[in-house]
Protein backbone atom coordinates (compact mmCIF):
# COMPACT_ATOMS: atom_id res chain seq x y z
CA MET A 1 -20.40 8.79 -11.68
CA LEU A 2 -20.05 6.65 -8.56
CA SER A 3 -23.76 5.82 -8.55
CA SER A 4 -23.52 4.46 -12.09
CA LEU A 5 -20.41 2.45 -11.11
CA TRP A 6 -22.20 0.84 -8.20
CA LYS A 7 -24.98 -0.36 -10.49
CA LYS A 8 -22.56 -2.39 -12.58
CA LYS A 9 -22.06 -6.09 -11.98
CA VAL A 10 -18.43 -6.56 -11.00
CA SER A 11 -16.23 -9.55 -10.31
CA LEU A 12 -15.00 -9.12 -6.76
CA ILE A 13 -11.26 -9.35 -6.09
CA VAL A 14 -9.68 -10.14 -2.72
CA GLY A 15 -6.87 -7.67 -2.01
CA ILE A 16 -3.90 -9.59 -0.61
CA ASP A 17 -0.97 -7.70 0.89
CA ILE A 18 2.01 -10.07 1.03
CA GLY A 19 4.35 -8.72 3.70
CA SER A 20 7.45 -10.05 5.40
CA HIS A 21 5.65 -10.40 8.74
CA SER A 22 2.14 -11.38 7.64
CA VAL A 23 -0.35 -11.68 4.82
CA LYS A 24 -3.31 -9.33 5.08
CA ALA A 25 -6.49 -9.69 3.03
CA VAL A 26 -9.52 -7.46 2.42
CA LEU A 27 -12.71 -8.24 0.51
CA LEU A 28 -14.97 -5.31 -0.37
CA ASN A 29 -18.43 -5.39 -1.90
CA GLN A 30 -20.65 -2.52 -2.99
CA GLY A 31 -24.12 -1.28 -2.15
CA ASN A 32 -26.29 1.67 -3.01
CA ASP A 33 -24.67 3.72 -0.22
CA GLY A 34 -21.04 2.81 -0.84
CA TYR A 35 -18.60 0.03 -0.12
CA ILE A 36 -19.19 -2.86 2.28
CA LEU A 37 -16.38 -4.53 4.23
CA GLU A 38 -17.07 -8.25 3.80
CA ALA A 39 -13.86 -9.76 5.16
CA LEU A 40 -10.68 -8.66 6.92
CA LEU A 41 -8.07 -11.35 7.59
CA GLU A 42 -4.44 -11.65 8.66
CA GLU A 43 -2.16 -14.68 8.85
CA THR A 44 1.41 -14.71 10.17
CA MET A 45 4.19 -15.26 7.64
CA PRO A 46 7.06 -17.67 8.42
CA ARG A 47 10.25 -15.71 8.98
CA GLY A 48 12.44 -15.59 5.88
CA ALA A 49 9.65 -16.45 3.42
CA VAL A 50 9.65 -12.80 2.25
CA ILE A 51 12.78 -10.64 2.54
CA ASP A 52 12.95 -6.98 1.45
CA SER A 53 9.66 -7.33 -0.47
CA GLU A 54 10.91 -10.33 -2.46
CA ILE A 55 9.31 -13.76 -2.06
CA GLN A 56 11.98 -16.30 -1.13
CA ASP A 57 9.72 -19.32 -0.57
CA ILE A 58 6.66 -19.46 -2.85
CA GLU A 59 5.35 -22.63 -1.24
CA ALA A 60 5.47 -21.16 2.27
CA VAL A 61 3.72 -17.98 1.15
CA GLY A 62 1.14 -20.05 -0.73
CA ASN A 63 0.42 -22.06 2.43
CA VAL A 64 -0.29 -18.85 4.34
CA ILE A 65 -2.57 -17.57 1.58
CA ALA A 66 -4.37 -20.94 1.60
CA LYS A 67 -5.37 -20.31 5.22
CA ILE A 68 -7.01 -17.07 4.10
CA ARG A 69 -8.63 -18.83 1.13
CA LYS A 70 -10.44 -21.21 3.50
CA LYS A 71 -12.00 -18.25 5.33
CA ILE A 72 -13.14 -16.33 2.23
CA THR A 73 -16.47 -17.09 0.57
CA SER A 74 -15.94 -19.71 -2.12
CA SER A 75 -17.73 -17.60 -4.74
CA VAL A 76 -14.81 -15.13 -4.80
CA THR A 77 -11.85 -16.73 -6.56
CA HIS A 78 -9.91 -13.74 -7.94
CA ALA A 79 -7.17 -11.95 -6.00
CA SER A 80 -4.81 -9.02 -6.44
CA ALA A 81 -1.35 -8.53 -4.95
CA ALA A 82 1.39 -5.92 -5.40
CA VAL A 83 5.12 -5.54 -5.95
CA SER A 84 7.38 -2.97 -4.31
CA GLY A 85 11.00 -2.27 -3.56
CA GLN A 86 14.10 -1.60 -5.61
CA THR A 87 13.05 -3.65 -8.64
CA VAL A 88 9.91 -1.56 -9.26
CA ILE A 89 10.13 1.54 -11.46
CA THR A 90 7.39 4.09 -12.12
CA LYS A 91 7.73 7.08 -14.45
CA ILE A 92 5.50 9.71 -15.99
CA ILE A 93 6.15 9.86 -19.73
CA TYR A 94 4.61 12.09 -22.39
CA MET A 95 2.92 10.63 -25.46
CA ASP A 96 0.90 11.98 -28.39
CA VAL A 97 -2.61 12.80 -27.17
CA ASN A 98 -4.21 11.29 -30.29
CA LEU A 99 -2.82 7.76 -29.80
CA SER A 100 -5.26 4.98 -29.00
CA GLU A 101 -4.58 2.55 -26.12
CA GLN A 102 -3.27 -0.02 -28.59
CA GLU A 103 -1.05 2.53 -30.31
CA LEU A 104 0.20 3.72 -26.91
CA ALA A 105 1.11 0.16 -25.97
CA SER A 106 3.06 -0.31 -29.20
CA GLN A 107 4.88 3.01 -28.85
CA ILE A 108 5.76 2.43 -25.20
CA GLU A 109 7.16 -0.98 -26.03
CA ILE A 110 9.39 0.62 -28.65
CA GLU A 111 10.65 3.32 -26.30
CA ALA A 112 10.85 1.20 -23.14
CA ASP A 113 14.40 0.10 -23.86
CA SER A 114 15.68 3.61 -23.15
CA LEU A 115 13.37 4.10 -20.14
CA ILE A 116 13.98 0.93 -18.15
CA PRO A 117 17.46 0.05 -16.77
CA TYR A 118 16.86 -3.71 -17.08
CA PRO A 119 16.80 -6.03 -20.09
CA LEU A 120 13.24 -5.88 -21.45
CA ASP A 121 12.93 -9.67 -21.53
CA GLU A 122 13.29 -9.60 -17.71
CA VAL A 123 10.67 -6.90 -17.13
CA SER A 124 6.87 -6.73 -17.01
CA LEU A 125 5.43 -3.39 -18.19
CA ASP A 126 2.06 -1.71 -17.81
CA PHE A 127 0.78 1.83 -18.29
CA GLU A 128 -2.16 4.10 -17.50
CA SER A 129 -3.19 7.24 -19.37
CA LEU A 130 -3.61 10.14 -16.95
CA ASP A 131 -4.46 13.64 -18.13
CA VAL A 132 -3.46 16.07 -20.86
CA ASN A 133 -0.10 17.73 -20.18
CA GLU A 134 -0.59 21.30 -18.95
CA SER A 135 2.55 22.62 -20.65
CA ASP A 136 1.92 20.92 -23.99
CA PRO A 137 -1.75 20.06 -24.78
CA SER A 138 -0.59 17.91 -27.72
CA LYS A 139 0.80 15.44 -25.18
CA ILE A 140 -0.84 13.22 -22.61
CA ASN A 141 0.76 12.18 -19.31
CA VAL A 142 1.14 8.43 -19.13
CA LEU A 143 2.11 6.52 -16.00
CA LEU A 144 4.54 3.75 -16.89
CA SER A 145 5.15 0.98 -14.35
CA ALA A 146 7.77 -1.73 -14.66
CA ALA A 147 8.79 -4.58 -12.39
CA ARG A 148 11.13 -7.54 -12.66
CA THR A 149 9.07 -10.35 -14.18
CA GLU A 150 10.36 -12.81 -11.59
CA SER A 151 8.86 -10.65 -8.82
CA VAL A 152 5.50 -10.53 -10.59
CA GLU A 153 5.51 -14.26 -11.36
CA ALA A 154 6.42 -15.13 -7.76
CA ARG A 155 3.28 -13.34 -6.55
CA VAL A 156 1.12 -14.93 -9.22
CA SER A 157 2.46 -18.36 -8.23
CA ALA A 158 1.93 -17.70 -4.51
CA LEU A 159 -1.68 -16.62 -5.09
CA GLU A 160 -2.37 -19.66 -7.26
CA SER A 161 -0.66 -21.96 -4.76
CA GLY A 162 -3.00 -20.51 -2.12
CA GLY A 163 -6.11 -21.29 -4.19
CA PHE A 164 -6.77 -17.95 -5.89
CA THR A 165 -6.62 -16.84 -9.51
CA ALA A 166 -4.29 -13.85 -9.86
CA LYS A 167 -6.27 -11.07 -11.57
CA VAL A 168 -4.14 -7.97 -10.92
CA ILE A 169 -0.54 -7.42 -9.83
CA ASP A 170 -0.32 -3.79 -8.73
CA VAL A 171 2.39 -1.51 -7.32
CA GLU A 172 2.22 -1.05 -3.53
CA SER A 173 2.87 2.69 -3.54
CA TYR A 174 -0.15 3.16 -5.82
CA ALA A 175 -2.23 0.73 -3.79
CA ILE A 176 -1.93 2.89 -0.67
CA SER A 177 -3.04 6.02 -2.53
CA ARG A 178 -6.14 4.32 -3.96
CA PRO A 179 -8.07 4.39 -0.61
CA TYR A 180 -7.44 8.16 -0.39
CA ASP A 181 -11.17 8.86 -0.75
CA LEU A 182 -11.90 6.40 2.05
CA VAL A 183 -9.79 8.32 4.60
CA LEU A 184 -10.70 11.81 3.41
CA SER A 185 -13.44 12.13 6.05
CA GLN A 186 -10.75 11.80 8.76
CA LEU A 187 -9.07 15.00 7.55
CA PRO A 188 -10.21 18.65 7.76
CA GLU A 189 -12.77 19.77 5.16
CA ASP A 190 -10.24 21.58 2.96
CA ALA A 191 -8.09 18.44 2.50
CA GLU A 192 -9.90 17.53 -0.70
CA ASN A 193 -7.93 20.20 -2.59
CA LYS A 194 -4.68 19.98 -0.62
CA ILE A 195 -1.45 18.02 -0.82
CA VAL A 196 -1.79 14.87 1.29
CA ALA A 197 1.06 12.43 1.92
CA LEU A 198 0.13 8.84 2.69
CA VAL A 199 2.88 7.02 4.58
CA ASP A 200 2.59 3.27 5.11
CA VAL A 201 5.20 2.03 7.58
CA GLY A 202 5.33 -1.75 7.42
CA SER A 203 7.71 -4.13 9.14
CA VAL A 204 10.66 -3.52 6.78
CA MET A 205 9.39 -1.19 4.05
CA THR A 206 7.94 2.34 4.13
CA LEU A 207 5.75 3.45 1.24
CA PHE A 208 5.50 7.20 0.67
CA SER A 209 2.78 8.37 -1.71
CA VAL A 210 1.51 11.91 -2.34
CA THR A 211 -1.80 13.12 -3.75
CA GLU A 212 -2.81 16.62 -4.76
CA ALA A 213 -6.54 17.28 -4.99
CA GLY A 214 -7.00 13.51 -5.01
CA ASN A 215 -4.58 12.85 -7.88
CA HIS A 216 -1.48 10.75 -7.29
CA ILE A 217 1.62 12.84 -8.04
CA TYR A 218 4.59 11.13 -6.35
CA SER A 219 5.71 7.89 -4.77
CA ARG A 220 8.85 6.44 -3.23
CA ASP A 221 9.73 3.27 -1.33
CA GLN A 222 12.41 3.11 1.33
CA ILE A 223 13.73 0.25 3.43
CA PHE A 224 12.72 1.12 6.97
CA GLY A 225 10.01 -0.23 9.23
CA GLY A 226 8.72 -1.37 12.57
CA GLU A 227 11.03 -4.37 12.68
CA GLN A 228 13.73 -1.97 13.87
CA TYR A 229 11.55 -1.24 16.91
CA THR A 230 10.96 -4.96 17.48
CA ARG A 231 14.68 -5.72 17.31
CA SER A 232 15.36 -3.06 19.94
CA ILE A 233 12.89 -4.82 22.25
CA VAL A 234 14.64 -8.14 21.54
CA SER A 235 18.07 -6.77 22.43
CA TYR A 236 17.03 -4.71 25.47
CA TYR A 237 14.76 -7.23 27.18
CA ASN A 238 16.21 -10.59 26.05
CA LYS A 239 13.05 -11.70 24.27
CA THR A 240 12.56 -13.80 21.16
CA PHE A 241 11.40 -11.97 18.06
CA GLU A 242 7.90 -13.42 18.46
CA GLU A 243 7.76 -12.42 22.14
CA ALA A 244 8.89 -8.91 21.22
CA GLU A 245 6.20 -8.60 18.54
CA PHE A 246 3.53 -9.65 21.05
CA ALA A 247 4.89 -7.31 23.73
CA LYS A 248 4.88 -4.43 21.23
CA VAL A 249 1.24 -5.01 20.29
CA SER A 250 0.00 -5.70 23.83
CA ASN A 251 2.09 -2.93 25.47
CA ASP A 252 3.49 -5.52 27.88
CA LEU A 253 6.83 -3.78 28.37
CA PRO A 254 8.81 -2.43 31.37
CA PRO A 255 8.10 1.17 32.44
CA ASN A 256 11.52 2.36 31.24
CA TYR A 257 10.91 1.12 27.66
CA THR A 258 9.73 4.64 26.78
CA PHE A 259 13.27 6.01 27.11
CA GLU A 260 15.23 2.90 26.11
CA VAL A 261 13.25 1.81 23.05
CA LEU A 262 10.27 4.00 22.16
CA ALA A 263 11.94 7.44 22.13
CA PRO A 264 14.90 6.35 19.93
CA PHE A 265 12.50 4.70 17.46
CA HIS A 266 10.35 7.85 17.43
CA THR A 267 13.45 9.88 16.55
CA VAL A 268 14.42 7.63 13.64
CA LEU A 269 10.82 7.48 12.36
CA VAL A 270 10.56 11.28 12.30
CA GLN A 271 13.90 11.49 10.46
CA GLN A 272 12.77 8.99 7.83
CA ILE A 273 9.47 10.75 7.14
CA ARG A 274 11.07 14.21 7.18
CA ARG A 275 13.65 13.01 4.63
CA ALA A 276 10.91 11.53 2.41
CA ILE A 277 8.95 14.80 2.53
CA GLN A 278 12.04 16.83 1.69
CA MET A 279 12.83 14.63 -1.30
CA PHE A 280 9.27 15.08 -2.55
CA LEU A 281 9.38 18.87 -2.15
CA THR A 282 12.74 19.09 -3.90
CA SER A 283 11.69 16.97 -6.89
CA SER A 284 8.18 18.38 -7.27
CA GLY A 285 8.79 22.07 -6.63
CA LYS A 286 5.92 22.12 -4.13
CA ASP A 287 6.15 24.32 -1.05
CA LYS A 288 4.76 21.99 1.59
CA VAL A 289 2.74 18.92 2.50
CA ASP A 290 -0.57 19.94 4.04
CA TYR A 291 -1.62 16.69 5.72
CA LEU A 292 -0.14 13.31 6.65
CA VAL A 293 -2.02 10.01 6.73
CA ILE A 294 -0.10 7.23 8.51
CA SER A 295 -0.86 3.55 7.98
CA GLY A 296 0.83 0.17 8.31
CA GLY A 297 1.50 -1.92 11.41
CA THR A 298 3.80 0.74 12.84
CA ALA A 299 0.91 3.23 12.91
CA SER A 300 -0.20 1.51 16.13
CA VAL A 301 3.04 2.37 17.94
CA GLU A 302 2.25 4.60 20.89
CA GLY A 303 2.20 8.36 20.27
CA ILE A 304 2.83 8.35 16.49
CA GLU A 305 -0.03 10.70 15.58
CA SER A 306 0.83 13.47 18.06
CA LEU A 307 4.58 13.00 17.58
CA LEU A 308 4.48 13.63 13.82
CA THR A 309 2.05 16.53 14.17
CA GLU A 310 4.35 18.24 16.67
CA GLU A 311 7.75 17.40 15.17
CA LEU A 312 6.87 18.02 11.51
CA GLY A 313 4.25 20.73 11.99
CA ILE A 314 1.86 18.80 9.74
CA HIS A 315 -1.64 17.74 10.79
CA THR A 316 -1.41 13.92 11.03
CA VAL A 317 -4.07 11.22 11.28
CA ILE A 318 -3.92 7.43 11.58
CA ALA A 319 -5.65 5.86 8.59
CA ASN A 320 -8.83 3.85 8.91
CA PRO A 321 -10.08 3.13 5.37
CA PHE A 322 -13.17 1.39 6.73
CA THR A 323 -14.57 4.22 8.88
CA ASP A 324 -17.52 5.10 6.66
CA MET A 325 -18.24 1.60 5.34
CA LYS A 326 -20.96 -0.82 6.27
CA LYS A 327 -19.46 -3.95 7.80
CA SER A 328 -20.32 -7.62 7.55
CA ASP A 329 -21.66 -9.20 10.73
CA ASP A 330 -18.50 -11.33 10.81
CA ILE A 331 -16.28 -8.27 11.41
CA ASP A 332 -15.10 -7.76 15.00
CA MET A 333 -15.91 -4.06 15.41
CA VAL A 334 -13.92 -3.65 18.64
CA LYS A 335 -10.78 -5.17 17.12
CA LEU A 336 -11.19 -3.37 13.79
CA GLU A 337 -10.43 0.08 15.21
CA SER A 338 -6.96 -0.93 16.36
CA ILE A 339 -5.93 -3.06 13.36
CA ALA A 340 -7.48 -1.06 10.49
CA PRO A 341 -4.33 1.02 9.71
CA LYS A 342 -2.31 -2.05 8.74
CA PHE A 343 -4.84 -2.97 6.02
CA MET A 344 -4.38 0.15 3.88
CA VAL A 345 -2.50 -1.65 1.08
CA ALA A 346 -4.90 -4.60 1.12
CA ALA A 347 -7.85 -2.18 0.95
CA GLY A 348 -6.29 -0.45 -2.05
CA LEU A 349 -5.83 -3.81 -3.75
CA ALA A 350 -9.42 -4.83 -2.98
CA LEU A 351 -10.61 -1.62 -4.68
CA ARG A 352 -9.29 -3.04 -7.95
CA SER A 353 -12.64 -4.86 -8.07
CA PHE A 354 -14.15 -1.54 -9.11
CA SER A 355 -11.53 -0.21 -11.55
CA SER A 356 -10.28 -1.24 -14.96
CA TRP A 357 -6.96 -2.90 -15.72
CA HIS A 358 -4.92 -4.11 -18.67
CA ILE A 359 -4.87 -7.92 -18.80
């Protein structure tokens, strides 16, 4: 199936992850042997332009995206972004298996009023047919996604202000599960049929997404991220926020930072992920999570991989969705290894070039 997909002519889409700390962009192409990483870019976001996953200053975000636009080949004009946070709702609903896509859309619109806790004229809806329901073969599982229209429109406006045409607005928790196949080679051989949790720890938001045998089965967002670690550095060592961010990345910190800053952050991080896992197990009825894949900027914090493996008893790896890809000559291979984990969402958005969407 993949070989036939790769033979199709597709319109490439730049995946743009709009975060509170930076904008990250990925452009993927395709060849006979798989995907090709064409571009990988990051630009710093002005503080306050994005707060708790909501764009506060469209013009400022657009200016940052415009910097990326100048560095991307001019032949690629389409982009995808994603929404997340408290205003995003995803549900699995059950519909008649015989309904066409158009009939599904009509039926969902009728029933959405009872499914979505917001006025429908303030919400953007989309859906995806999944598989036939195991308990009732006359029904099909349908993934319903809803987001406040103002959140969607803010991203569309920011992309357009930056020089792109918005092609897809996705949901971040689904975007991080889309590169699952790209990180599978980093896990033991049996992972393909196991339960794998993908945890993307950004600056202020953590995305928790679970797949079973490659199929997405659960997602949850929670407000927690690496900014808590940065603020501890600010308060302990009298640095500006920018100086603390640089010190965190460059490991330019006093010897005692391990006990004063790193260890307390490790403790909170473990608590957050343990709580997310427990909520998944409780709601799904599953017995355990077999493997953890950690991504996001916080994945580069010292000792995360071994810490989570030891504290949670779950085999953990740091995501690199580009490991098995060919790379453009413009990609800095030395730098890529250390920054790859933070581009998991952007990679998932870039993969929308090779999948269908409702538009």
